[in-house]
């Protein structure tokens, strides 16, 4: 019995690997919540999550989530803040344009649908930009181009990536009865789970462009 329990709890067992990964997700998610509190740092915090999850997959699942998150956060803080705050401003303008067109109608209806298309494009670009920023060091124009490259390269993956982000947010907003539970999950692990799913989704596309990971001391 002792051997069975010991084997189950061993880090190399399936259960041990799942619990190790879950611990990394929870630890990184708590860091994400903490570093998102100033609001303007949400972009770098999300980038830190992506960096942590990509590092987890590339290095065999045994990392320090607090150290990895902090590395991803501080490395990309300037670029991520510029990109996400700019995206938020553009999104706000598009939403106002949509409301304006809806109110007046008529010939502005066509312009409203164009705004919807631009808003969807912006969402996809941001969804891919932050993990790309976490994985690659480059200038903002090149990161934007690379995000578009990875998004357009696998259309089915792109749709799944959008669903991974949109569905949890939509459920949280629409299901008012269970909103306290969803709030707990967002604080505890939801952001980390989304980042891990994105890492699982994109790691195979990123690998051919990334150097082999170096073992840490």
N, C-alpha and C. Protein backbone atom coordinates (compact mmCIF):
# COMPACT_ATOMS: atom_id res chain seq x y z
N UNK A 1 0.81 -1.19 0.00
CA UNK A 1 0.00 0.00 0.00
C UNK A 1 0.86 1.26 0.00
N UNK A 2 1.93 1.22 0.84
CA UNK A 2 2.84 2.36 0.90
C UNK A 2 3.53 2.60 -0.41
N UNK A 3 3.94 1.49 -1.08
CA UNK A 3 4.58 1.65 -2.39
C UNK A 3 3.62 2.23 -3.41
N UNK A 4 2.35 1.81 -3.35
CA UNK A 4 1.33 2.31 -4.28
C UNK A 4 1.14 3.80 -4.10
N UNK A 5 1.02 4.25 -2.85
CA UNK A 5 0.84 5.68 -2.58
C UNK A 5 2.10 6.46 -2.97
N UNK A 6 3.27 5.86 -2.63
CA UNK A 6 4.52 6.52 -2.99
C UNK A 6 4.67 6.67 -4.49
N UNK A 7 4.30 5.61 -5.23
CA UNK A 7 4.37 5.68 -6.69
C UNK A 7 3.41 6.69 -7.25
N UNK A 8 2.22 6.80 -6.62
CA UNK A 8 1.21 7.75 -7.09
C UNK A 8 1.66 9.18 -6.90
N UNK A 9 2.34 9.45 -5.78
CA UNK A 9 2.76 10.81 -5.44
C UNK A 9 4.11 11.17 -6.02
N UNK A 10 4.79 10.22 -6.63
CA UNK A 10 6.09 10.50 -7.23
C UNK A 10 5.95 11.53 -8.35
N UNK A 11 6.93 12.43 -8.45
CA UNK A 11 6.87 13.49 -9.46
C UNK A 11 6.87 12.95 -10.89
N UNK A 12 7.41 11.74 -11.08
CA UNK A 12 7.47 11.16 -12.42
C UNK A 12 6.19 10.41 -12.80
N UNK A 13 5.29 10.20 -11.84
CA UNK A 13 4.03 9.53 -12.14
C UNK A 13 3.08 10.48 -12.85
N UNK A 14 2.05 9.93 -13.49
CA UNK A 14 1.07 10.77 -14.19
C UNK A 14 0.40 11.73 -13.22
N UNK A 15 0.01 11.21 -12.05
CA UNK A 15 -0.63 12.05 -11.04
C UNK A 15 0.32 13.14 -10.55
N UNK A 16 1.59 12.76 -10.35
CA UNK A 16 2.58 13.73 -9.88
C UNK A 16 2.81 14.84 -10.90
N UNK A 17 2.86 14.47 -12.18
CA UNK A 17 3.05 15.48 -13.22
C UNK A 17 1.86 16.42 -13.30
N UNK A 18 0.64 15.87 -13.17
CA UNK A 18 -0.56 16.71 -13.22
C UNK A 18 -0.57 17.69 -12.04
N UNK A 19 -0.24 17.19 -10.85
CA UNK A 19 -0.25 18.06 -9.67
C UNK A 19 0.86 19.11 -9.74
N UNK A 20 2.00 18.73 -10.30
CA UNK A 20 3.09 19.71 -10.46
C UNK A 20 2.66 20.82 -11.41
N UNK A 21 2.05 20.43 -12.53
CA UNK A 21 1.59 21.42 -13.50
C UNK A 21 0.50 22.29 -12.90
N UNK A 22 -0.40 21.69 -12.12
CA UNK A 22 -1.46 22.46 -11.48
C UNK A 22 -0.88 23.45 -10.48
N UNK A 23 0.15 23.03 -9.75
CA UNK A 23 0.79 23.94 -8.81
C UNK A 23 1.42 25.13 -9.52
N UNK A 24 2.03 24.88 -10.69
CA UNK A 24 2.63 25.95 -11.48
C UNK A 24 1.53 26.91 -11.97
N UNK A 25 0.42 26.36 -12.44
CA UNK A 25 -0.69 27.18 -12.92
C UNK A 25 -1.24 28.07 -11.80
N UNK A 26 -1.44 27.50 -10.63
CA UNK A 26 -1.99 28.26 -9.51
C UNK A 26 -0.99 29.34 -9.05
N UNK A 27 0.27 28.96 -8.90
CA UNK A 27 1.28 29.92 -8.47
C UNK A 27 1.40 31.08 -9.45
N UNK A 28 1.46 30.79 -10.74
CA UNK A 28 1.58 31.85 -11.74
C UNK A 28 0.31 32.70 -11.79
N UNK A 29 -0.85 32.06 -11.60
CA UNK A 29 -2.11 32.81 -11.64
C UNK A 29 -2.20 33.80 -10.48
N UNK A 30 -1.75 33.40 -9.30
CA UNK A 30 -1.75 34.30 -8.16
C UNK A 30 -0.82 35.49 -8.42
N UNK A 31 0.31 35.24 -9.04
CA UNK A 31 1.20 36.34 -9.43
C UNK A 31 0.52 37.25 -10.44
N UNK A 32 -0.20 36.66 -11.38
CA UNK A 32 -0.93 37.42 -12.40
C UNK A 32 -1.94 38.36 -11.74
N UNK A 33 -2.72 37.84 -10.79
CA UNK A 33 -3.71 38.65 -10.10
C UNK A 33 -3.04 39.80 -9.35
N UNK A 34 -1.95 39.50 -8.65
CA UNK A 34 -1.24 40.51 -7.87
C UNK A 34 -0.68 41.62 -8.77
N UNK A 35 -0.05 41.23 -9.88
CA UNK A 35 0.60 42.22 -10.73
C UNK A 35 -0.38 42.91 -11.68
N UNK A 36 -1.64 42.44 -11.72
CA UNK A 36 -2.67 43.11 -12.53
C UNK A 36 -3.40 44.20 -11.77
N UNK A 37 -3.18 44.29 -10.47
CA UNK A 37 -3.93 45.24 -9.65
C UNK A 37 -3.78 46.70 -10.07
N UNK A 38 -2.61 47.13 -10.57
CA UNK A 38 -2.54 48.52 -11.06
C UNK A 38 -3.35 48.75 -12.36
N UNK A 39 -3.94 47.71 -12.91
CA UNK A 39 -4.77 47.73 -14.13
C UNK A 39 -3.94 47.96 -15.38
N UNK A 40 -3.12 49.01 -15.41
CA UNK A 40 -2.33 49.30 -16.61
C UNK A 40 -1.27 48.23 -16.87
N UNK A 41 -1.02 47.39 -15.86
CA UNK A 41 -0.01 46.33 -16.01
C UNK A 41 -0.63 44.98 -16.36
N UNK A 42 -1.91 44.97 -16.73
CA UNK A 42 -2.56 43.71 -17.08
C UNK A 42 -1.85 43.06 -18.28
N UNK A 43 -1.48 43.85 -19.27
CA UNK A 43 -0.79 43.31 -20.45
C UNK A 43 0.50 42.60 -20.09
N UNK A 44 1.43 43.26 -19.37
CA UNK A 44 2.65 42.57 -18.95
C UNK A 44 2.38 41.36 -18.07
N UNK A 45 1.32 41.43 -17.23
CA UNK A 45 1.00 40.29 -16.37
C UNK A 45 0.55 39.09 -17.19
N UNK A 46 -0.26 39.33 -18.22
CA UNK A 46 -0.66 38.23 -19.11
C UNK A 46 0.54 37.67 -19.84
N UNK A 47 1.44 38.55 -20.26
CA UNK A 47 2.67 38.10 -20.94
C UNK A 47 3.51 37.24 -20.00
N UNK A 48 3.56 37.63 -18.71
CA UNK A 48 4.27 36.83 -17.73
C UNK A 48 3.67 35.44 -17.58
N UNK A 49 2.33 35.36 -17.62
CA UNK A 49 1.66 34.06 -17.58
C UNK A 49 2.06 33.20 -18.77
N UNK A 50 2.02 33.78 -19.95
CA UNK A 50 2.38 33.02 -21.16
C UNK A 50 3.83 32.57 -21.10
N UNK A 51 4.71 33.44 -20.64
CA UNK A 51 6.13 33.08 -20.53
C UNK A 51 6.30 31.88 -19.59
N UNK A 52 5.60 31.92 -18.46
CA UNK A 52 5.71 30.84 -17.48
C UNK A 52 5.22 29.51 -18.05
N UNK A 53 4.08 29.53 -18.75
CA UNK A 53 3.52 28.29 -19.28
C UNK A 53 4.35 27.73 -20.44
N UNK A 54 4.83 28.59 -21.29
CA UNK A 54 5.69 28.13 -22.38
C UNK A 54 6.99 27.54 -21.83
N UNK A 55 7.53 28.17 -20.81
CA UNK A 55 8.75 27.66 -20.18
C UNK A 55 8.49 26.31 -19.53
N UNK A 56 7.31 26.16 -18.92
CA UNK A 56 6.94 24.88 -18.30
C UNK A 56 6.95 23.75 -19.32
N UNK A 57 6.35 23.99 -20.48
CA UNK A 57 6.27 22.95 -21.51
C UNK A 57 7.63 22.66 -22.12
N UNK A 58 8.44 23.69 -22.28
CA UNK A 58 9.73 23.50 -22.94
C UNK A 58 10.78 22.88 -22.03
N UNK A 59 10.61 22.99 -20.72
CA UNK A 59 11.64 22.51 -19.80
C UNK A 59 11.18 21.33 -18.95
N UNK A 60 10.17 20.62 -19.43
CA UNK A 60 9.79 19.38 -18.77
C UNK A 60 8.87 19.52 -17.59
N UNK A 61 8.33 20.73 -17.34
CA UNK A 61 7.31 20.89 -16.32
C UNK A 61 7.82 21.12 -14.92
N UNK A 62 9.14 21.27 -14.69
CA UNK A 62 9.66 21.50 -13.35
C UNK A 62 10.34 22.87 -13.33
N UNK A 63 9.60 23.91 -12.96
CA UNK A 63 10.13 25.25 -12.90
C UNK A 63 9.60 25.94 -11.64
N UNK A 64 10.18 27.07 -11.33
CA UNK A 64 9.66 27.93 -10.27
C UNK A 64 8.70 28.92 -10.91
N UNK A 65 7.37 28.79 -10.69
CA UNK A 65 6.42 29.65 -11.39
C UNK A 65 6.55 31.12 -11.02
N UNK A 66 6.95 31.41 -9.78
CA UNK A 66 7.10 32.79 -9.34
C UNK A 66 8.28 33.47 -10.04
N UNK A 67 9.39 32.74 -10.12
CA UNK A 67 10.57 33.27 -10.80
C UNK A 67 10.31 33.41 -12.30
N UNK A 68 9.69 32.40 -12.91
CA UNK A 68 9.43 32.44 -14.35
C UNK A 68 8.46 33.57 -14.68
N UNK A 69 7.41 33.72 -13.89
CA UNK A 69 6.46 34.81 -14.13
C UNK A 69 7.15 36.16 -14.05
N UNK A 70 7.95 36.36 -13.01
CA UNK A 70 8.62 37.64 -12.83
C UNK A 70 9.56 37.94 -14.01
N UNK A 71 10.25 36.92 -14.50
CA UNK A 71 11.13 37.12 -15.65
C UNK A 71 10.34 37.57 -16.87
N UNK A 72 9.22 36.87 -17.16
CA UNK A 72 8.40 37.25 -18.30
C UNK A 72 7.77 38.62 -18.13
N UNK A 73 7.40 38.96 -16.91
CA UNK A 73 6.77 40.26 -16.64
C UNK A 73 7.76 41.40 -16.84
N UNK A 74 8.91 41.33 -16.17
CA UNK A 74 9.84 42.46 -16.21
C UNK A 74 10.50 42.60 -17.59
N UNK A 75 10.67 41.49 -18.30
CA UNK A 75 11.31 41.54 -19.62
C UNK A 75 10.42 42.25 -20.63
N UNK A 76 9.10 42.09 -20.50
CA UNK A 76 8.19 42.60 -21.53
C UNK A 76 7.30 43.74 -21.04
N UNK A 77 7.59 44.30 -19.87
CA UNK A 77 6.67 45.26 -19.28
C UNK A 77 6.43 46.48 -20.18
N UNK A 78 7.47 47.03 -20.76
CA UNK A 78 7.32 48.24 -21.57
C UNK A 78 6.54 47.95 -22.85
N UNK A 79 6.97 46.93 -23.60
CA UNK A 79 6.31 46.62 -24.86
C UNK A 79 4.86 46.18 -24.64
N UNK A 80 4.63 45.33 -23.62
CA UNK A 80 3.28 44.84 -23.38
C UNK A 80 2.34 45.96 -22.97
N UNK A 81 2.83 46.91 -22.16
CA UNK A 81 1.98 48.03 -21.75
C UNK A 81 1.63 48.90 -22.94
N UNK A 82 2.61 49.20 -23.77
CA UNK A 82 2.35 50.02 -24.95
C UNK A 82 1.32 49.36 -25.86
N UNK A 83 1.49 48.07 -26.11
CA UNK A 83 0.61 47.36 -27.05
C UNK A 83 -0.80 47.20 -26.49
N UNK A 84 -0.91 46.81 -25.22
CA UNK A 84 -2.25 46.55 -24.67
C UNK A 84 -3.02 47.83 -24.42
N UNK A 85 -2.35 48.88 -23.96
CA UNK A 85 -3.04 50.15 -23.76
C UNK A 85 -3.47 50.75 -25.09
N UNK A 86 -2.63 50.62 -26.11
CA UNK A 86 -3.01 51.09 -27.45
C UNK A 86 -4.20 50.30 -27.99
N UNK A 87 -4.17 48.97 -27.78
CA UNK A 87 -5.28 48.12 -28.23
C UNK A 87 -6.57 48.47 -27.51
N UNK A 88 -6.47 48.74 -26.19
CA UNK A 88 -7.67 49.12 -25.42
C UNK A 88 -8.26 50.43 -25.93
N UNK A 89 -7.39 51.38 -26.27
CA UNK A 89 -7.86 52.66 -26.80
C UNK A 89 -8.56 52.48 -28.15
N UNK A 90 -7.95 51.69 -29.02
CA UNK A 90 -8.55 51.43 -30.34
C UNK A 90 -9.88 50.70 -30.18
N UNK A 91 -9.93 49.71 -29.28
CA UNK A 91 -11.17 48.97 -29.04
C UNK A 91 -12.27 49.89 -28.53
N UNK A 92 -11.92 50.83 -27.63
CA UNK A 92 -12.91 51.77 -27.11
C UNK A 92 -13.48 52.65 -28.22
N UNK A 93 -12.61 53.09 -29.12
CA UNK A 93 -13.07 53.91 -30.25
C UNK A 93 -13.99 53.11 -31.16
N UNK A 94 -13.63 51.86 -31.42
CA UNK A 94 -14.47 51.01 -32.28
C UNK A 94 -15.84 50.74 -31.65
N UNK A 95 -15.86 50.50 -30.34
CA UNK A 95 -17.14 50.26 -29.65
C UNK A 95 -18.02 51.51 -29.70
N UNK A 96 -17.43 52.68 -29.52
CA UNK A 96 -18.19 53.92 -29.63
C UNK A 96 -18.72 54.12 -31.04
N UNK A 97 -17.91 53.79 -32.03
CA UNK A 97 -18.36 53.89 -33.42
C UNK A 97 -19.52 52.94 -33.69
N UNK A 98 -19.46 51.73 -33.15
CA UNK A 98 -20.53 50.76 -33.33
C UNK A 98 -21.83 51.26 -32.70
N UNK A 99 -21.73 51.81 -31.50
CA UNK A 99 -22.91 52.34 -30.82
C UNK A 99 -23.49 53.53 -31.59
N UNK A 100 -22.63 54.38 -32.12
CA UNK A 100 -23.06 55.53 -32.91
C UNK A 100 -23.80 55.08 -34.17
N UNK A 101 -23.22 54.10 -34.86
CA UNK A 101 -23.84 53.60 -36.10
C UNK A 101 -25.16 52.89 -35.81
N UNK A 102 -25.22 52.16 -34.70
CA UNK A 102 -26.45 51.48 -34.32
C UNK A 102 -27.56 52.48 -34.02
N UNK A 103 -27.20 53.58 -33.37
CA UNK A 103 -28.20 54.59 -32.99
C UNK A 103 -28.77 55.29 -34.22
N UNK A 104 -27.92 55.64 -35.18
CA UNK A 104 -28.38 56.40 -36.34
C UNK A 104 -28.82 55.51 -37.50
N UNK A 105 -28.26 54.30 -37.60
CA UNK A 105 -28.69 53.34 -38.62
C UNK A 105 -28.47 53.86 -40.04
N UNK A 106 -29.35 53.42 -40.93
CA UNK A 106 -29.27 53.86 -42.33
C UNK A 106 -28.00 53.39 -43.01
N UNK A 107 -27.37 54.31 -43.71
CA UNK A 107 -26.17 53.97 -44.48
C UNK A 107 -24.98 53.64 -43.57
N UNK A 108 -25.09 54.01 -42.28
CA UNK A 108 -23.99 53.74 -41.36
C UNK A 108 -23.93 52.28 -40.93
N UNK A 109 -24.96 51.49 -41.31
CA UNK A 109 -24.98 50.08 -40.93
C UNK A 109 -23.78 49.34 -41.50
N UNK A 110 -23.44 49.63 -42.75
CA UNK A 110 -22.28 48.98 -43.38
C UNK A 110 -21.00 49.32 -42.63
N UNK A 111 -20.89 50.58 -42.20
CA UNK A 111 -19.71 50.99 -41.44
C UNK A 111 -19.65 50.27 -40.10
N UNK A 112 -20.82 50.00 -39.51
CA UNK A 112 -20.87 49.28 -38.24
C UNK A 112 -20.27 47.89 -38.38
N UNK A 113 -20.63 47.19 -39.46
CA UNK A 113 -20.09 45.85 -39.66
C UNK A 113 -18.58 45.88 -39.92
N UNK A 114 -18.12 46.96 -40.57
CA UNK A 114 -16.68 47.11 -40.75
C UNK A 114 -15.98 47.28 -39.40
N UNK A 115 -16.63 48.01 -38.48
CA UNK A 115 -16.07 48.18 -37.13
C UNK A 115 -16.03 46.85 -36.39
N UNK A 116 -17.08 46.04 -36.55
CA UNK A 116 -17.09 44.71 -35.93
C UNK A 116 -15.92 43.87 -36.44
N UNK A 117 -15.69 43.94 -37.76
CA UNK A 117 -14.59 43.16 -38.35
C UNK A 117 -13.24 43.64 -37.81
N UNK A 118 -13.07 44.95 -37.69
CA UNK A 118 -11.82 45.49 -37.15
C UNK A 118 -11.64 45.11 -35.68
N UNK A 119 -12.73 45.10 -34.93
CA UNK A 119 -12.66 44.73 -33.52
C UNK A 119 -12.27 43.26 -33.37
N UNK A 120 -12.83 42.40 -34.21
CA UNK A 120 -12.47 40.98 -34.18
C UNK A 120 -11.00 40.79 -34.55
N UNK A 121 -10.55 41.51 -35.56
CA UNK A 121 -9.13 41.44 -35.95
C UNK A 121 -8.23 41.88 -34.80
N UNK A 122 -8.63 42.94 -34.11
CA UNK A 122 -7.84 43.45 -32.98
C UNK A 122 -7.76 42.42 -31.86
N UNK A 123 -8.88 41.77 -31.56
CA UNK A 123 -8.90 40.74 -30.51
C UNK A 123 -7.96 39.59 -30.85
N UNK A 124 -8.03 39.12 -32.10
CA UNK A 124 -7.16 38.02 -32.53
C UNK A 124 -5.69 38.43 -32.45
N UNK A 125 -5.40 39.66 -32.88
CA UNK A 125 -4.02 40.13 -32.87
C UNK A 125 -3.47 40.17 -31.44
N UNK A 126 -4.27 40.67 -30.50
CA UNK A 126 -3.82 40.75 -29.11
C UNK A 126 -3.67 39.36 -28.49
N UNK A 127 -4.63 38.47 -28.79
CA UNK A 127 -4.57 37.10 -28.26
C UNK A 127 -3.26 36.42 -28.66
N UNK A 128 -2.80 36.66 -29.88
CA UNK A 128 -1.55 36.05 -30.35
C UNK A 128 -0.32 36.88 -29.99
N UNK A 129 -0.50 38.18 -29.90
CA UNK A 129 0.66 39.05 -29.67
C UNK A 129 1.34 38.78 -28.34
N UNK A 130 0.56 38.59 -27.28
CA UNK A 130 1.16 38.43 -25.94
C UNK A 130 1.96 37.13 -25.79
N UNK A 131 1.45 35.97 -26.26
CA UNK A 131 2.31 34.78 -26.22
C UNK A 131 3.51 34.88 -27.15
N UNK A 132 3.35 35.53 -28.30
CA UNK A 132 4.49 35.74 -29.20
C UNK A 132 5.53 36.62 -28.52
N UNK A 133 5.07 37.66 -27.83
CA UNK A 133 5.97 38.55 -27.10
C UNK A 133 6.70 37.80 -25.99
N UNK A 134 5.98 36.86 -25.34
CA UNK A 134 6.60 36.06 -24.28
C UNK A 134 7.66 35.12 -24.82
N UNK A 135 7.47 34.65 -26.06
CA UNK A 135 8.37 33.65 -26.63
C UNK A 135 9.56 34.25 -27.38
N UNK A 136 9.37 35.43 -27.96
CA UNK A 136 10.39 36.00 -28.85
C UNK A 136 10.74 37.43 -28.43
N UNK A 137 12.03 37.76 -28.49
CA UNK A 137 12.48 39.13 -28.26
C UNK A 137 12.60 39.82 -29.61
N UNK A 138 11.85 40.94 -29.78
CA UNK A 138 11.89 41.66 -31.05
C UNK A 138 11.28 43.03 -30.85
N UNK A 139 11.28 43.83 -31.91
CA UNK A 139 10.64 45.13 -31.86
C UNK A 139 9.12 44.97 -31.96
N UNK A 140 8.39 46.00 -31.55
CA UNK A 140 6.93 45.92 -31.59
C UNK A 140 6.40 45.68 -33.00
N UNK A 141 6.88 46.40 -34.03
CA UNK A 141 6.37 46.11 -35.38
C UNK A 141 6.59 44.66 -35.81
N UNK A 142 7.75 44.10 -35.49
CA UNK A 142 8.02 42.71 -35.85
C UNK A 142 7.17 41.74 -35.04
N UNK A 143 6.92 42.06 -33.77
CA UNK A 143 6.06 41.21 -32.95
C UNK A 143 4.63 41.21 -33.48
N UNK A 144 4.15 42.38 -33.90
CA UNK A 144 2.81 42.47 -34.48
C UNK A 144 2.73 41.65 -35.77
N UNK A 145 3.76 41.73 -36.56
CA UNK A 145 3.79 40.94 -37.81
C UNK A 145 3.85 39.45 -37.52
N UNK A 146 4.66 39.06 -36.54
CA UNK A 146 4.77 37.65 -36.20
C UNK A 146 3.48 37.10 -35.61
N UNK A 147 2.78 37.92 -34.81
CA UNK A 147 1.49 37.49 -34.25
C UNK A 147 0.49 37.23 -35.38
N UNK A 148 0.48 38.10 -36.36
CA UNK A 148 -0.41 37.90 -37.51
C UNK A 148 -0.01 36.67 -38.30
N UNK A 149 1.30 36.42 -38.39
CA UNK A 149 1.79 35.24 -39.10
C UNK A 149 1.31 33.95 -38.44
N UNK A 150 1.49 33.86 -37.13
CA UNK A 150 1.08 32.64 -36.43
C UNK A 150 -0.44 32.47 -36.43
N UNK A 151 -1.17 33.58 -36.35
CA UNK A 151 -2.64 33.49 -36.36
C UNK A 151 -3.16 33.00 -37.69
N UNK A 152 -2.60 33.51 -38.79
CA UNK A 152 -3.09 33.16 -40.12
C UNK A 152 -2.55 31.82 -40.60
N UNK A 153 -1.50 31.34 -39.95
CA UNK A 153 -0.87 30.09 -40.38
C UNK A 153 -1.74 28.88 -40.11
N UNK A 154 -2.48 28.88 -39.02
CA UNK A 154 -3.34 27.76 -38.63
C UNK A 154 -4.73 28.30 -38.29
N UNK A 155 -5.61 28.47 -39.28
CA UNK A 155 -6.93 29.08 -39.04
C UNK A 155 -7.76 28.34 -37.99
N UNK A 156 -7.70 27.01 -37.97
CA UNK A 156 -8.48 26.27 -36.98
C UNK A 156 -7.94 26.52 -35.57
N UNK A 157 -6.62 26.58 -35.43
CA UNK A 157 -6.04 26.91 -34.15
C UNK A 157 -6.43 28.32 -33.73
N UNK A 158 -6.50 29.22 -34.69
CA UNK A 158 -6.89 30.59 -34.39
C UNK A 158 -8.30 30.65 -33.81
N UNK A 159 -9.22 29.92 -34.41
CA UNK A 159 -10.59 29.88 -33.90
C UNK A 159 -10.64 29.29 -32.49
N UNK A 160 -9.85 28.25 -32.26
CA UNK A 160 -9.80 27.63 -30.94
C UNK A 160 -9.19 28.59 -29.92
N UNK A 161 -8.18 29.33 -30.33
CA UNK A 161 -7.55 30.30 -29.43
C UNK A 161 -8.54 31.39 -29.03
N UNK A 162 -9.34 31.86 -29.98
CA UNK A 162 -10.36 32.87 -29.68
C UNK A 162 -11.39 32.29 -28.71
N UNK A 163 -11.81 31.05 -28.95
CA UNK A 163 -12.80 30.41 -28.08
C UNK A 163 -12.26 30.25 -26.67
N UNK A 164 -10.99 29.87 -26.55
CA UNK A 164 -10.37 29.68 -25.23
C UNK A 164 -10.45 30.95 -24.39
N UNK A 165 -10.36 32.11 -25.06
CA UNK A 165 -10.42 33.38 -24.33
C UNK A 165 -11.84 33.90 -24.17
N UNK A 166 -12.63 33.81 -25.22
CA UNK A 166 -13.95 34.46 -25.23
C UNK A 166 -14.97 33.70 -24.39
N UNK A 167 -14.99 32.37 -24.49
CA UNK A 167 -16.01 31.58 -23.80
C UNK A 167 -15.97 31.76 -22.29
N UNK A 168 -14.79 31.65 -21.62
CA UNK A 168 -14.79 31.85 -20.16
C UNK A 168 -15.25 33.24 -19.74
N UNK A 169 -14.85 34.25 -20.49
CA UNK A 169 -15.27 35.62 -20.16
C UNK A 169 -16.77 35.78 -20.36
N UNK A 170 -17.30 35.24 -21.47
CA UNK A 170 -18.73 35.35 -21.74
C UNK A 170 -19.55 34.63 -20.67
N UNK A 171 -19.11 33.44 -20.27
CA UNK A 171 -19.83 32.69 -19.24
C UNK A 171 -19.81 33.45 -17.92
N UNK A 172 -18.67 34.04 -17.58
CA UNK A 172 -18.56 34.81 -16.33
C UNK A 172 -19.50 36.01 -16.33
N UNK A 173 -19.60 36.68 -17.46
CA UNK A 173 -20.45 37.88 -17.55
C UNK A 173 -21.93 37.52 -17.57
N UNK A 174 -22.29 36.48 -18.30
CA UNK A 174 -23.70 36.16 -18.53
C UNK A 174 -24.34 35.36 -17.41
N UNK A 175 -23.58 34.47 -16.77
CA UNK A 175 -24.15 33.62 -15.72
C UNK A 175 -24.03 34.33 -14.37
N UNK A 176 -25.01 35.15 -14.02
CA UNK A 176 -24.94 35.94 -12.80
C UNK A 176 -25.05 35.08 -11.54
N UNK A 177 -25.75 33.95 -11.62
CA UNK A 177 -25.97 33.12 -10.44
C UNK A 177 -24.67 32.51 -9.91
N UNK A 178 -23.78 32.13 -10.81
CA UNK A 178 -22.54 31.49 -10.40
C UNK A 178 -21.34 32.43 -10.48
N UNK A 179 -21.60 33.71 -10.60
CA UNK A 179 -20.50 34.67 -10.76
C UNK A 179 -19.52 34.64 -9.58
N UNK A 180 -19.97 34.48 -8.33
CA UNK A 180 -18.98 34.39 -7.23
C UNK A 180 -18.01 33.21 -7.41
N UNK A 181 -18.54 32.07 -7.89
CA UNK A 181 -17.68 30.91 -8.14
C UNK A 181 -16.68 31.23 -9.24
N UNK A 182 -17.17 31.86 -10.31
CA UNK A 182 -16.27 32.22 -11.41
C UNK A 182 -15.21 33.21 -10.94
N UNK A 183 -15.61 34.14 -10.07
CA UNK A 183 -14.64 35.09 -9.54
C UNK A 183 -13.54 34.39 -8.76
N UNK A 184 -13.92 33.40 -7.96
CA UNK A 184 -12.93 32.62 -7.22
C UNK A 184 -11.98 31.90 -8.17
N UNK A 185 -12.55 31.30 -9.23
CA UNK A 185 -11.71 30.57 -10.19
C UNK A 185 -10.76 31.50 -10.92
N UNK A 186 -11.21 32.71 -11.26
CA UNK A 186 -10.33 33.66 -11.94
C UNK A 186 -9.16 34.03 -11.04
N UNK A 187 -9.43 34.23 -9.75
CA UNK A 187 -8.37 34.58 -8.81
C UNK A 187 -7.43 33.40 -8.59
N UNK A 188 -7.99 32.20 -8.56
CA UNK A 188 -7.23 31.01 -8.18
C UNK A 188 -6.45 30.41 -9.34
N UNK A 189 -7.11 30.21 -10.49
CA UNK A 189 -6.41 29.45 -11.54
C UNK A 189 -6.86 29.71 -12.98
N UNK A 190 -7.95 30.43 -13.22
CA UNK A 190 -8.52 30.49 -14.57
C UNK A 190 -7.57 31.11 -15.60
N UNK A 191 -6.94 32.23 -15.23
CA UNK A 191 -5.99 32.85 -16.17
C UNK A 191 -4.83 31.93 -16.50
N UNK A 192 -4.31 31.24 -15.49
CA UNK A 192 -3.22 30.30 -15.73
C UNK A 192 -3.64 29.14 -16.61
N UNK A 193 -4.87 28.65 -16.43
CA UNK A 193 -5.37 27.56 -17.27
C UNK A 193 -5.48 28.00 -18.72
N UNK A 194 -5.98 29.22 -18.94
CA UNK A 194 -6.09 29.74 -20.31
C UNK A 194 -4.70 29.86 -20.94
N UNK A 195 -3.76 30.38 -20.17
CA UNK A 195 -2.39 30.52 -20.68
C UNK A 195 -1.76 29.16 -20.97
N UNK A 196 -2.04 28.16 -20.12
CA UNK A 196 -1.51 26.83 -20.36
C UNK A 196 -2.12 26.21 -21.61
N UNK A 197 -3.43 26.39 -21.81
CA UNK A 197 -4.07 25.87 -23.02
C UNK A 197 -3.49 26.55 -24.27
N UNK A 198 -3.23 27.85 -24.17
CA UNK A 198 -2.62 28.55 -25.30
C UNK A 198 -1.20 28.04 -25.56
N UNK A 199 -0.46 27.77 -24.49
CA UNK A 199 0.89 27.24 -24.65
C UNK A 199 0.86 25.87 -25.32
N UNK A 200 -0.06 25.01 -24.89
CA UNK A 200 -0.22 23.70 -25.51
C UNK A 200 -0.60 23.84 -26.98
N UNK A 201 -1.38 24.85 -27.28
CA UNK A 201 -1.87 25.06 -28.65
C UNK A 201 -0.76 25.59 -29.56
N UNK A 202 0.09 26.46 -29.04
CA UNK A 202 1.04 27.18 -29.89
C UNK A 202 2.47 26.66 -29.83
N UNK A 203 2.79 25.82 -28.84
CA UNK A 203 4.18 25.42 -28.66
C UNK A 203 4.76 24.73 -29.88
N UNK A 204 3.96 23.92 -30.56
CA UNK A 204 4.48 23.23 -31.74
C UNK A 204 4.79 24.20 -32.87
N UNK A 205 4.03 25.30 -32.97
CA UNK A 205 4.30 26.31 -33.99
C UNK A 205 5.51 27.15 -33.63
N UNK A 206 5.70 27.41 -32.35
CA UNK A 206 6.82 28.24 -31.91
C UNK A 206 8.14 27.49 -31.94
N UNK A 207 8.11 26.17 -31.69
CA UNK A 207 9.34 25.40 -31.48
C UNK A 207 10.34 25.53 -32.62
N UNK A 208 9.86 25.52 -33.85
CA UNK A 208 10.80 25.54 -34.98
C UNK A 208 11.53 26.87 -35.10
N UNK A 209 11.05 27.90 -34.41
CA UNK A 209 11.70 29.21 -34.46
C UNK A 209 12.45 29.56 -33.19
N UNK A 210 12.40 28.67 -32.19
CA UNK A 210 13.03 28.93 -30.89
C UNK A 210 14.30 28.12 -30.73
N UNK A 211 15.29 28.67 -30.03
CA UNK A 211 16.48 27.87 -29.70
C UNK A 211 16.14 26.82 -28.66
N UNK A 212 16.97 25.80 -28.55
CA UNK A 212 16.75 24.77 -27.55
C UNK A 212 16.92 25.37 -26.16
N UNK A 213 16.01 25.04 -25.23
CA UNK A 213 16.11 25.59 -23.88
C UNK A 213 17.39 25.17 -23.17
N UNK A 214 17.94 26.11 -22.40
CA UNK A 214 19.15 25.81 -21.63
C UNK A 214 18.76 25.41 -20.22
N UNK A 215 19.46 24.44 -19.67
CA UNK A 215 19.19 24.01 -18.29
C UNK A 215 19.61 25.10 -17.32
N UNK A 216 18.73 25.35 -16.32
CA UNK A 216 19.04 26.36 -15.32
C UNK A 216 19.96 25.76 -14.23
N UNK A 217 20.73 26.63 -13.62
CA UNK A 217 21.57 26.19 -12.49
C UNK A 217 20.68 25.87 -11.30
